[in-house]
N, C-alpha and C. Protein backbone atom coordinates (compact mmCIF):
# COMPACT_ATOMS: atom_id res chain seq x y z
N MET A 1 0.83 -1.20 0.00
CA MET A 1 0.00 0.00 0.00
C MET A 1 0.87 1.25 0.00
N ARG A 2 0.32 2.31 -0.53
CA ARG A 2 0.95 3.64 -0.50
C ARG A 2 0.27 4.44 0.61
N ILE A 3 1.03 4.78 1.64
CA ILE A 3 0.45 5.35 2.86
C ILE A 3 1.04 6.72 3.16
N LEU A 4 0.17 7.70 3.34
CA LEU A 4 0.58 9.04 3.77
C LEU A 4 0.48 9.11 5.29
N ILE A 5 1.59 9.46 5.94
CA ILE A 5 1.60 9.59 7.40
C ILE A 5 1.94 11.03 7.76
N VAL A 6 0.93 11.74 8.26
CA VAL A 6 1.13 13.12 8.71
C VAL A 6 1.59 13.06 10.17
N GLY A 7 2.69 13.72 10.46
CA GLY A 7 3.27 13.63 11.79
C GLY A 7 4.19 12.43 11.93
N GLY A 8 4.73 11.98 10.81
CA GLY A 8 5.56 10.78 10.79
C GLY A 8 6.89 10.90 11.50
N LYS A 9 7.29 12.12 11.85
CA LYS A 9 8.56 12.33 12.55
C LYS A 9 8.36 12.49 14.07
N GLY A 10 7.10 12.50 14.53
CA GLY A 10 6.82 12.62 15.95
C GLY A 10 7.04 11.29 16.66
N THR A 11 6.86 11.28 17.98
CA THR A 11 7.11 10.06 18.75
C THR A 11 6.19 8.92 18.32
N ILE A 12 4.89 9.19 18.21
CA ILE A 12 3.97 8.16 17.75
C ILE A 12 4.21 7.87 16.27
N GLY A 13 4.37 8.92 15.48
CA GLY A 13 4.57 8.75 14.04
C GLY A 13 5.76 7.87 13.72
N GLN A 14 6.86 8.07 14.42
CA GLN A 14 8.05 7.25 14.17
C GLN A 14 7.80 5.78 14.49
N ALA A 15 7.03 5.53 15.55
CA ALA A 15 6.70 4.15 15.91
C ALA A 15 5.80 3.51 14.86
N VAL A 16 4.87 4.29 14.31
CA VAL A 16 3.99 3.80 13.24
C VAL A 16 4.81 3.50 11.98
N VAL A 17 5.70 4.41 11.65
CA VAL A 17 6.58 4.20 10.48
C VAL A 17 7.37 2.91 10.63
N GLU A 18 7.90 2.68 11.82
CA GLU A 18 8.71 1.48 12.07
C GLU A 18 7.90 0.20 11.82
N LYS A 19 6.62 0.24 12.17
CA LYS A 19 5.76 -0.94 12.00
C LYS A 19 5.32 -1.17 10.54
N LEU A 20 5.25 -0.09 9.77
CA LEU A 20 4.68 -0.19 8.42
C LEU A 20 5.72 -0.16 7.29
N LYS A 21 6.93 0.29 7.59
CA LYS A 21 7.89 0.61 6.52
C LYS A 21 8.32 -0.58 5.68
N ASP A 22 8.36 -1.76 6.26
CA ASP A 22 8.86 -2.92 5.51
C ASP A 22 7.83 -3.46 4.50
N ALA A 23 6.56 -3.22 4.77
CA ALA A 23 5.52 -3.81 3.93
C ALA A 23 4.85 -2.81 2.99
N HIS A 24 5.12 -1.52 3.18
CA HIS A 24 4.38 -0.51 2.43
C HIS A 24 5.29 0.63 1.97
N GLU A 25 4.79 1.39 0.99
CA GLU A 25 5.47 2.62 0.56
C GLU A 25 4.93 3.77 1.42
N LEU A 26 5.81 4.41 2.17
CA LEU A 26 5.37 5.46 3.07
C LEU A 26 5.79 6.84 2.57
N ILE A 27 4.87 7.81 2.70
CA ILE A 27 5.16 9.21 2.42
C ILE A 27 4.94 9.96 3.72
N LEU A 28 5.98 10.61 4.23
CA LEU A 28 5.88 11.31 5.50
C LEU A 28 5.61 12.79 5.27
N ALA A 29 4.67 13.32 6.05
CA ALA A 29 4.34 14.74 5.96
C ALA A 29 4.44 15.37 7.34
N GLY A 30 4.87 16.62 7.38
CA GLY A 30 4.96 17.35 8.64
C GLY A 30 4.97 18.83 8.37
N ARG A 31 4.85 19.59 9.43
CA ARG A 31 4.85 21.05 9.28
C ARG A 31 6.18 21.55 8.73
N THR A 32 7.29 20.98 9.21
CA THR A 32 8.61 21.43 8.76
C THR A 32 9.51 20.28 8.34
N SER A 33 9.03 19.04 8.40
CA SER A 33 9.87 17.89 8.07
C SER A 33 9.11 16.92 7.20
N GLY A 34 9.80 15.87 6.76
CA GLY A 34 9.17 14.83 5.97
C GLY A 34 9.38 15.01 4.48
N ASP A 35 8.69 14.17 3.72
CA ASP A 35 8.80 14.21 2.26
C ASP A 35 8.01 15.37 1.67
N VAL A 36 6.99 15.81 2.40
CA VAL A 36 6.15 16.92 1.96
C VAL A 36 5.69 17.68 3.20
N GLN A 37 5.53 19.00 3.07
CA GLN A 37 5.13 19.81 4.21
C GLN A 37 3.63 20.11 4.17
N VAL A 38 3.05 20.23 5.37
CA VAL A 38 1.62 20.56 5.46
C VAL A 38 1.35 21.27 6.77
N ASP A 39 0.45 22.24 6.70
CA ASP A 39 -0.06 22.93 7.88
C ASP A 39 -1.53 22.54 8.00
N LEU A 40 -1.86 21.70 8.99
CA LEU A 40 -3.22 21.20 9.12
C LEU A 40 -4.25 22.29 9.42
N THR A 41 -3.79 23.46 9.85
CA THR A 41 -4.74 24.55 10.12
C THR A 41 -5.14 25.29 8.84
N SER A 42 -4.55 24.90 7.72
CA SER A 42 -4.81 25.58 6.44
C SER A 42 -5.38 24.60 5.41
N VAL A 43 -6.59 24.86 4.96
CA VAL A 43 -7.21 24.03 3.93
C VAL A 43 -6.37 24.07 2.65
N ASP A 44 -5.86 25.24 2.30
CA ASP A 44 -5.03 25.36 1.10
C ASP A 44 -3.78 24.50 1.19
N SER A 45 -3.18 24.44 2.38
CA SER A 45 -1.98 23.65 2.58
C SER A 45 -2.28 22.15 2.46
N ILE A 46 -3.41 21.73 3.00
CA ILE A 46 -3.81 20.32 2.89
C ILE A 46 -4.06 19.95 1.43
N GLU A 47 -4.76 20.83 0.73
CA GLU A 47 -5.02 20.61 -0.71
C GLU A 47 -3.71 20.50 -1.48
N ALA A 48 -2.79 21.42 -1.20
CA ALA A 48 -1.50 21.44 -1.92
C ALA A 48 -0.72 20.16 -1.65
N MET A 49 -0.76 19.67 -0.41
CA MET A 49 -0.06 18.43 -0.09
C MET A 49 -0.61 17.27 -0.92
N PHE A 50 -1.93 17.12 -0.97
CA PHE A 50 -2.51 16.00 -1.71
C PHE A 50 -2.26 16.12 -3.22
N LYS A 51 -2.26 17.33 -3.74
CA LYS A 51 -1.96 17.51 -5.17
C LYS A 51 -0.54 17.07 -5.48
N LYS A 52 0.36 17.30 -4.52
CA LYS A 52 1.76 16.89 -4.70
C LYS A 52 1.93 15.39 -4.53
N VAL A 53 1.25 14.82 -3.54
CA VAL A 53 1.41 13.40 -3.21
C VAL A 53 0.63 12.50 -4.17
N GLY A 54 -0.56 12.94 -4.57
CA GLY A 54 -1.40 12.12 -5.43
C GLY A 54 -2.18 11.07 -4.66
N HIS A 55 -2.65 10.05 -5.35
CA HIS A 55 -3.52 9.06 -4.73
C HIS A 55 -2.75 8.12 -3.81
N VAL A 56 -3.42 7.77 -2.72
CA VAL A 56 -2.84 6.87 -1.72
C VAL A 56 -3.87 5.82 -1.32
N ASP A 57 -3.38 4.79 -0.64
CA ASP A 57 -4.28 3.73 -0.15
C ASP A 57 -4.70 3.97 1.29
N ALA A 58 -3.93 4.78 2.02
CA ALA A 58 -4.25 5.05 3.42
C ALA A 58 -3.70 6.40 3.83
N ILE A 59 -4.45 7.08 4.71
CA ILE A 59 -4.03 8.35 5.30
C ILE A 59 -4.00 8.14 6.80
N VAL A 60 -2.86 8.48 7.40
CA VAL A 60 -2.71 8.37 8.86
C VAL A 60 -2.31 9.74 9.39
N ASN A 61 -3.00 10.20 10.42
CA ASN A 61 -2.57 11.44 11.07
C ASN A 61 -2.16 11.15 12.50
N ALA A 62 -0.91 11.50 12.82
CA ALA A 62 -0.39 11.34 14.18
C ALA A 62 0.10 12.69 14.68
N SER A 63 -0.64 13.73 14.35
CA SER A 63 -0.26 15.08 14.77
C SER A 63 -1.49 15.87 15.20
N GLY A 64 -1.25 17.03 15.78
CA GLY A 64 -2.34 17.90 16.20
C GLY A 64 -1.96 18.67 17.45
N ALA A 65 -2.16 19.97 17.41
CA ALA A 65 -1.75 20.83 18.53
C ALA A 65 -2.95 21.23 19.39
N ALA A 66 -2.66 21.49 20.66
CA ALA A 66 -3.66 22.02 21.59
C ALA A 66 -2.92 22.79 22.67
N LYS A 67 -3.59 23.78 23.24
CA LYS A 67 -3.01 24.55 24.32
C LYS A 67 -3.51 24.00 25.64
N PHE A 68 -2.59 23.68 26.53
CA PHE A 68 -2.95 23.12 27.83
C PHE A 68 -3.00 24.25 28.85
N GLN A 69 -4.22 24.52 29.31
CA GLN A 69 -4.44 25.66 30.20
C GLN A 69 -5.71 25.43 31.00
N LEU A 70 -5.68 25.85 32.25
CA LEU A 70 -6.88 25.73 33.08
C LEU A 70 -8.02 26.53 32.47
N VAL A 71 -9.22 26.01 32.54
CA VAL A 71 -10.38 26.68 31.95
C VAL A 71 -10.57 28.07 32.54
N GLU A 72 -10.29 28.23 33.82
CA GLU A 72 -10.46 29.53 34.47
C GLU A 72 -9.54 30.60 33.88
N GLU A 73 -8.48 30.17 33.23
CA GLU A 73 -7.52 31.10 32.61
C GLU A 73 -7.61 31.12 31.09
N MET A 74 -8.39 30.23 30.52
CA MET A 74 -8.44 30.06 29.06
C MET A 74 -9.27 31.15 28.39
N THR A 75 -8.76 31.62 27.26
CA THR A 75 -9.50 32.56 26.43
C THR A 75 -10.02 31.82 25.20
N PRO A 76 -10.98 32.39 24.49
CA PRO A 76 -11.42 31.78 23.23
C PRO A 76 -10.26 31.57 22.25
N GLU A 77 -9.31 32.49 22.27
CA GLU A 77 -8.15 32.37 21.37
C GLU A 77 -7.30 31.16 21.75
N ASP A 78 -7.14 30.93 23.06
CA ASP A 78 -6.40 29.74 23.52
C ASP A 78 -7.07 28.47 23.02
N ASN A 79 -8.38 28.44 23.12
CA ASN A 79 -9.13 27.24 22.71
C ASN A 79 -9.06 27.01 21.21
N LEU A 80 -8.92 28.07 20.45
CA LEU A 80 -8.86 27.95 18.99
C LEU A 80 -7.69 27.12 18.50
N VAL A 81 -6.61 27.05 19.29
CA VAL A 81 -5.45 26.24 18.88
C VAL A 81 -5.89 24.80 18.62
N ALA A 82 -6.60 24.22 19.59
CA ALA A 82 -7.07 22.84 19.44
C ALA A 82 -8.16 22.72 18.39
N VAL A 83 -9.05 23.72 18.33
CA VAL A 83 -10.13 23.69 17.33
C VAL A 83 -9.56 23.67 15.93
N GLN A 84 -8.61 24.55 15.66
CA GLN A 84 -8.07 24.69 14.30
C GLN A 84 -7.13 23.56 13.90
N SER A 85 -6.39 23.01 14.87
CA SER A 85 -5.41 21.97 14.55
C SER A 85 -5.94 20.57 14.82
N LYS A 86 -6.17 20.26 16.07
CA LYS A 86 -6.52 18.89 16.46
C LYS A 86 -7.92 18.48 16.02
N LEU A 87 -8.84 19.43 15.97
CA LEU A 87 -10.21 19.12 15.57
C LEU A 87 -10.42 19.34 14.07
N LEU A 88 -10.49 20.61 13.65
CA LEU A 88 -10.77 20.90 12.24
C LEU A 88 -9.64 20.42 11.32
N GLY A 89 -8.40 20.52 11.79
CA GLY A 89 -7.28 20.08 10.96
C GLY A 89 -7.42 18.63 10.56
N GLN A 90 -7.75 17.78 11.55
CA GLN A 90 -7.90 16.35 11.24
C GLN A 90 -9.14 16.09 10.38
N ILE A 91 -10.24 16.77 10.70
CA ILE A 91 -11.45 16.55 9.92
C ILE A 91 -11.27 17.04 8.49
N ASN A 92 -10.61 18.18 8.32
CA ASN A 92 -10.33 18.67 6.96
C ASN A 92 -9.40 17.72 6.20
N LEU A 93 -8.46 17.12 6.91
CA LEU A 93 -7.58 16.12 6.29
C LEU A 93 -8.41 14.97 5.74
N ALA A 94 -9.42 14.55 6.49
CA ALA A 94 -10.29 13.47 6.04
C ALA A 94 -11.19 13.91 4.88
N LEU A 95 -11.78 15.11 5.00
CA LEU A 95 -12.69 15.59 3.96
C LEU A 95 -11.99 15.79 2.63
N ILE A 96 -10.81 16.38 2.67
CA ILE A 96 -10.05 16.60 1.44
C ILE A 96 -9.40 15.30 0.99
N GLY A 97 -8.86 14.56 1.94
CA GLY A 97 -8.12 13.35 1.61
C GLY A 97 -8.96 12.26 0.98
N GLN A 98 -10.26 12.21 1.28
CA GLN A 98 -11.10 11.16 0.71
C GLN A 98 -11.09 11.17 -0.81
N LYS A 99 -10.88 12.35 -1.39
CA LYS A 99 -10.85 12.45 -2.86
C LYS A 99 -9.58 11.84 -3.44
N TYR A 100 -8.59 11.64 -2.60
CA TYR A 100 -7.30 11.10 -3.06
C TYR A 100 -7.07 9.67 -2.59
N LEU A 101 -8.10 9.08 -2.00
CA LEU A 101 -8.00 7.70 -1.53
C LEU A 101 -8.45 6.73 -2.61
N ARG A 102 -7.69 5.68 -2.81
CA ARG A 102 -8.10 4.63 -3.72
C ARG A 102 -9.23 3.82 -3.11
N HIS A 103 -9.92 3.06 -3.94
CA HIS A 103 -11.03 2.22 -3.48
C HIS A 103 -10.55 1.32 -2.34
N ASP A 104 -11.37 1.19 -1.33
CA ASP A 104 -11.05 0.41 -0.13
C ASP A 104 -9.94 1.04 0.71
N GLY A 105 -9.71 2.33 0.53
CA GLY A 105 -8.69 3.03 1.31
C GLY A 105 -9.15 3.29 2.73
N SER A 106 -8.22 3.78 3.56
CA SER A 106 -8.57 4.04 4.96
C SER A 106 -7.99 5.36 5.44
N ILE A 107 -8.67 5.91 6.44
CA ILE A 107 -8.25 7.14 7.12
C ILE A 107 -8.14 6.80 8.61
N THR A 108 -7.01 7.18 9.22
CA THR A 108 -6.83 6.97 10.66
C THR A 108 -6.45 8.30 11.31
N LEU A 109 -7.27 8.75 12.24
CA LEU A 109 -7.03 10.01 12.95
C LEU A 109 -6.60 9.71 14.39
N THR A 110 -6.29 10.75 15.15
CA THR A 110 -5.79 10.56 16.52
C THR A 110 -6.60 11.37 17.51
N THR A 111 -7.04 10.72 18.58
CA THR A 111 -7.72 11.40 19.68
C THR A 111 -6.80 11.36 20.90
N GLY A 112 -7.27 10.89 22.05
CA GLY A 112 -6.42 10.83 23.22
C GLY A 112 -7.19 10.56 24.49
N ILE A 113 -6.51 10.08 25.50
CA ILE A 113 -7.12 9.63 26.74
C ILE A 113 -7.83 10.75 27.50
N MET A 114 -7.44 12.01 27.27
CA MET A 114 -7.98 13.11 28.08
C MET A 114 -9.48 13.28 27.97
N LYS A 115 -10.08 12.85 26.89
CA LYS A 115 -11.54 12.98 26.77
C LYS A 115 -12.26 11.97 27.66
N ASP A 116 -11.56 10.89 28.03
CA ASP A 116 -12.15 9.86 28.89
C ASP A 116 -11.65 9.94 30.32
N ASP A 117 -10.45 10.46 30.50
CA ASP A 117 -9.81 10.51 31.82
C ASP A 117 -9.16 11.88 31.95
N PRO A 118 -9.90 12.89 32.41
CA PRO A 118 -9.44 14.28 32.34
C PRO A 118 -8.18 14.56 33.17
N ILE A 119 -7.40 15.52 32.67
CA ILE A 119 -6.25 16.03 33.41
C ILE A 119 -6.41 17.54 33.56
N PRO A 120 -5.77 18.14 34.57
CA PRO A 120 -5.85 19.60 34.71
C PRO A 120 -5.30 20.29 33.46
N GLY A 121 -6.02 21.27 32.98
CA GLY A 121 -5.58 22.02 31.81
C GLY A 121 -5.83 21.33 30.49
N GLY A 122 -6.52 20.19 30.51
CA GLY A 122 -6.70 19.41 29.29
C GLY A 122 -8.07 19.55 28.63
N ALA A 123 -8.89 20.50 29.07
CA ALA A 123 -10.26 20.59 28.56
C ALA A 123 -10.32 20.87 27.07
N SER A 124 -9.43 21.74 26.59
CA SER A 124 -9.46 22.09 25.17
C SER A 124 -9.08 20.89 24.31
N ALA A 125 -8.02 20.18 24.70
CA ALA A 125 -7.61 18.98 23.97
C ALA A 125 -8.69 17.91 24.04
N ALA A 126 -9.33 17.77 25.22
CA ALA A 126 -10.39 16.78 25.39
C ALA A 126 -11.57 17.08 24.46
N MET A 127 -11.90 18.37 24.33
CA MET A 127 -12.97 18.79 23.44
C MET A 127 -12.69 18.36 22.00
N ALA A 128 -11.46 18.63 21.56
CA ALA A 128 -11.07 18.27 20.19
C ALA A 128 -11.08 16.76 20.01
N ASN A 129 -10.56 16.03 21.00
CA ASN A 129 -10.54 14.57 20.92
C ASN A 129 -11.95 14.01 20.81
N GLY A 130 -12.86 14.54 21.62
CA GLY A 130 -14.24 14.08 21.58
C GLY A 130 -14.91 14.36 20.25
N GLY A 131 -14.63 15.53 19.70
CA GLY A 131 -15.19 15.89 18.40
C GLY A 131 -14.71 14.98 17.28
N VAL A 132 -13.42 14.68 17.31
CA VAL A 132 -12.85 13.79 16.28
C VAL A 132 -13.44 12.39 16.40
N ALA A 133 -13.55 11.89 17.64
CA ALA A 133 -14.11 10.55 17.84
C ALA A 133 -15.56 10.47 17.36
N ALA A 134 -16.34 11.50 17.64
CA ALA A 134 -17.74 11.53 17.19
C ALA A 134 -17.82 11.60 15.66
N PHE A 135 -16.93 12.41 15.06
CA PHE A 135 -16.91 12.51 13.60
C PHE A 135 -16.60 11.15 12.97
N VAL A 136 -15.60 10.47 13.49
CA VAL A 136 -15.19 9.17 12.95
C VAL A 136 -16.34 8.17 13.02
N LYS A 137 -16.99 8.09 14.16
CA LYS A 137 -18.09 7.13 14.34
C LYS A 137 -19.22 7.39 13.36
N SER A 138 -19.54 8.66 13.15
CA SER A 138 -20.64 9.02 12.27
C SER A 138 -20.25 8.97 10.80
N ALA A 139 -19.02 9.42 10.49
CA ALA A 139 -18.58 9.44 9.09
C ALA A 139 -18.48 8.04 8.50
N ALA A 140 -18.20 7.07 9.35
CA ALA A 140 -18.02 5.69 8.87
C ALA A 140 -19.25 5.17 8.13
N ILE A 141 -20.44 5.60 8.53
CA ILE A 141 -21.65 5.08 7.88
C ILE A 141 -21.98 5.83 6.59
N ASP A 142 -21.25 6.93 6.32
CA ASP A 142 -21.51 7.71 5.11
C ASP A 142 -20.70 7.25 3.90
N PHE A 143 -19.57 6.60 4.14
CA PHE A 143 -18.71 6.19 3.03
C PHE A 143 -19.33 5.02 2.28
N THR A 144 -19.46 5.17 0.96
CA THR A 144 -20.11 4.13 0.15
C THR A 144 -19.17 3.47 -0.85
N HIS A 145 -17.89 3.88 -0.87
CA HIS A 145 -16.93 3.32 -1.83
C HIS A 145 -15.83 2.52 -1.13
N GLY A 146 -16.21 1.88 -0.04
CA GLY A 146 -15.26 1.01 0.64
C GLY A 146 -14.27 1.71 1.53
N ILE A 147 -14.36 3.04 1.65
CA ILE A 147 -13.42 3.77 2.51
C ILE A 147 -13.75 3.48 3.98
N ARG A 148 -12.70 3.23 4.74
CA ARG A 148 -12.85 3.03 6.18
C ARG A 148 -12.24 4.22 6.92
N ILE A 149 -12.78 4.52 8.10
CA ILE A 149 -12.23 5.59 8.93
C ILE A 149 -12.26 5.16 10.39
N ASN A 150 -11.13 5.32 11.07
CA ASN A 150 -11.01 4.99 12.49
C ASN A 150 -10.16 6.06 13.16
N CYS A 151 -10.07 5.98 14.48
CA CYS A 151 -9.13 6.83 15.21
C CYS A 151 -8.48 6.03 16.32
N VAL A 152 -7.31 6.50 16.73
CA VAL A 152 -6.56 5.87 17.81
C VAL A 152 -6.52 6.85 18.98
N SER A 153 -6.81 6.36 20.18
CA SER A 153 -6.79 7.19 21.38
C SER A 153 -5.69 6.68 22.31
N PRO A 154 -4.50 7.31 22.26
CA PRO A 154 -3.41 6.84 23.11
C PRO A 154 -3.44 7.44 24.52
N ASN A 155 -2.88 6.70 25.44
CA ASN A 155 -2.57 7.18 26.77
C ASN A 155 -1.28 8.00 26.66
N VAL A 156 -0.83 8.60 27.76
CA VAL A 156 0.48 9.24 27.77
C VAL A 156 1.52 8.16 27.49
N LEU A 157 2.55 8.51 26.73
CA LEU A 157 3.55 7.53 26.29
C LEU A 157 4.68 7.36 27.30
N VAL A 158 5.21 6.14 27.36
CA VAL A 158 6.40 5.88 28.16
C VAL A 158 7.53 6.82 27.74
N GLU A 159 7.67 6.99 26.42
CA GLU A 159 8.79 7.75 25.87
C GLU A 159 8.75 9.24 26.24
N SER A 160 7.59 9.75 26.54
CA SER A 160 7.49 11.18 26.87
C SER A 160 6.97 11.43 28.29
N TYR A 161 6.87 10.37 29.08
CA TYR A 161 6.27 10.50 30.42
C TYR A 161 7.05 11.43 31.32
N ASP A 162 8.37 11.42 31.21
CA ASP A 162 9.18 12.31 32.06
C ASP A 162 8.80 13.78 31.88
N ASN A 163 8.46 14.14 30.66
CA ASN A 163 8.09 15.53 30.36
C ASN A 163 6.68 15.88 30.81
N TYR A 164 5.80 14.86 30.92
CA TYR A 164 4.39 15.13 31.17
C TYR A 164 3.87 14.53 32.48
N GLN A 165 4.74 13.95 33.29
CA GLN A 165 4.26 13.21 34.47
C GLN A 165 3.53 14.10 35.47
N ASP A 166 3.86 15.39 35.53
CA ASP A 166 3.16 16.28 36.46
C ASP A 166 1.69 16.43 36.10
N SER A 167 1.37 16.31 34.81
CA SER A 167 -0.02 16.42 34.36
C SER A 167 -0.76 15.09 34.42
N PHE A 168 -0.01 14.00 34.39
CA PHE A 168 -0.61 12.67 34.33
C PHE A 168 -0.31 11.87 35.60
N LYS A 169 -0.60 12.48 36.76
CA LYS A 169 -0.37 11.81 38.05
C LYS A 169 -1.21 10.54 38.14
N GLY A 170 -0.55 9.43 38.43
CA GLY A 170 -1.24 8.16 38.63
C GLY A 170 -1.57 7.41 37.35
N PHE A 171 -1.30 8.01 36.19
CA PHE A 171 -1.53 7.31 34.92
C PHE A 171 -0.41 6.28 34.70
N VAL A 172 -0.74 5.19 34.06
CA VAL A 172 0.27 4.19 33.72
C VAL A 172 0.59 4.36 32.23
N PRO A 173 1.76 4.93 31.91
CA PRO A 173 2.08 5.22 30.51
C PRO A 173 2.21 3.95 29.67
N VAL A 174 1.95 4.10 28.38
CA VAL A 174 2.04 2.97 27.47
C VAL A 174 3.17 3.20 26.47
N PRO A 175 3.84 2.14 26.01
CA PRO A 175 4.92 2.31 25.04
C PRO A 175 4.39 2.70 23.66
N ALA A 176 5.14 3.53 22.97
CA ALA A 176 4.74 3.98 21.62
C ALA A 176 4.55 2.80 20.68
N GLU A 177 5.31 1.74 20.88
CA GLU A 177 5.19 0.56 20.02
C GLU A 177 3.80 -0.06 20.13
N ARG A 178 3.25 -0.08 21.35
CA ARG A 178 1.91 -0.63 21.55
C ARG A 178 0.86 0.26 20.89
N VAL A 179 1.04 1.58 21.02
CA VAL A 179 0.13 2.52 20.37
C VAL A 179 0.19 2.34 18.86
N ALA A 180 1.39 2.16 18.33
CA ALA A 180 1.57 2.01 16.88
C ALA A 180 0.79 0.82 16.34
N MET A 181 0.65 -0.24 17.13
CA MET A 181 -0.08 -1.41 16.65
C MET A 181 -1.55 -1.10 16.40
N ALA A 182 -2.10 -0.12 17.13
CA ALA A 182 -3.49 0.27 16.88
C ALA A 182 -3.62 0.93 15.50
N TYR A 183 -2.61 1.70 15.11
CA TYR A 183 -2.61 2.30 13.78
C TYR A 183 -2.48 1.22 12.71
N VAL A 184 -1.66 0.21 12.97
CA VAL A 184 -1.52 -0.91 12.04
C VAL A 184 -2.87 -1.61 11.88
N LYS A 185 -3.56 -1.82 12.99
CA LYS A 185 -4.88 -2.47 12.94
C LYS A 185 -5.84 -1.65 12.07
N SER A 186 -5.80 -0.33 12.21
CA SER A 186 -6.68 0.53 11.44
C SER A 186 -6.34 0.50 9.95
N VAL A 187 -5.04 0.53 9.64
CA VAL A 187 -4.60 0.57 8.24
C VAL A 187 -4.76 -0.78 7.55
N GLU A 188 -4.34 -1.84 8.20
CA GLU A 188 -4.30 -3.15 7.55
C GLU A 188 -5.52 -4.01 7.83
N GLY A 189 -6.33 -3.61 8.80
CA GLY A 189 -7.51 -4.40 9.16
C GLY A 189 -8.73 -4.07 8.31
N LYS A 190 -9.88 -4.43 8.81
CA LYS A 190 -11.12 -4.24 8.05
C LYS A 190 -12.17 -3.42 8.80
N GLN A 191 -11.92 -3.10 10.08
CA GLN A 191 -12.93 -2.41 10.85
C GLN A 191 -13.05 -0.95 10.44
N THR A 192 -14.21 -0.36 10.73
CA THR A 192 -14.43 1.06 10.47
C THR A 192 -15.31 1.66 11.56
N GLY A 193 -15.17 2.96 11.76
CA GLY A 193 -15.95 3.65 12.76
C GLY A 193 -15.48 3.40 14.18
N GLN A 194 -14.27 2.89 14.32
CA GLN A 194 -13.74 2.50 15.64
C GLN A 194 -12.85 3.58 16.25
N GLU A 195 -12.83 3.61 17.58
CA GLU A 195 -11.79 4.34 18.30
C GLU A 195 -11.00 3.28 19.07
N TYR A 196 -9.75 3.09 18.67
CA TYR A 196 -8.90 2.11 19.34
C TYR A 196 -8.24 2.78 20.54
N GLN A 197 -8.68 2.43 21.72
CA GLN A 197 -8.17 3.03 22.95
C GLN A 197 -6.99 2.22 23.46
N VAL A 198 -5.84 2.86 23.56
CA VAL A 198 -4.63 2.19 24.05
C VAL A 198 -4.31 2.79 25.41
N TYR A 199 -5.01 2.31 26.44
CA TYR A 199 -4.90 2.85 27.79
C TYR A 199 -4.21 1.86 28.71
């Protein structure tokens, strides 16, 4: 398969690449790195990326920004970071990307544990995660040309726990390799409309 991986240079993205690289042709996309650049907050940038890349068998997104801030201190502008990147960015990737997917292709987006197990300052990210999960569940029944869509909801990672442990008190981090297997299941499997929770 020819697979586009947005965020392929990130911690999760690299683990996904490691699992898929031997069996598939991978195209990595990122804001400043990879084979092609893309800004998920820009519809024009997403369109330009797909015009450059062409048709693919699978689209994987392992990226998305959010501002972590207590609600009592959050402004609408702060919340827009997650809305424009993690929520609309991923949904726009799916809406535009479907035109570049081959028959029986798949889309895999990323949510996160915070929508199910809240952390301080995580409300904006949780909102975006919940929106993406709801979109995936509902969009799955609309595709009529064999396209599948799923999302992966990772816990905090072992690899980055040292940086985030103050926010994730009492959480049991999971290895990126285990999270990557959920993306493999989405890409190579047959299910659709799923949120694979790796908690």
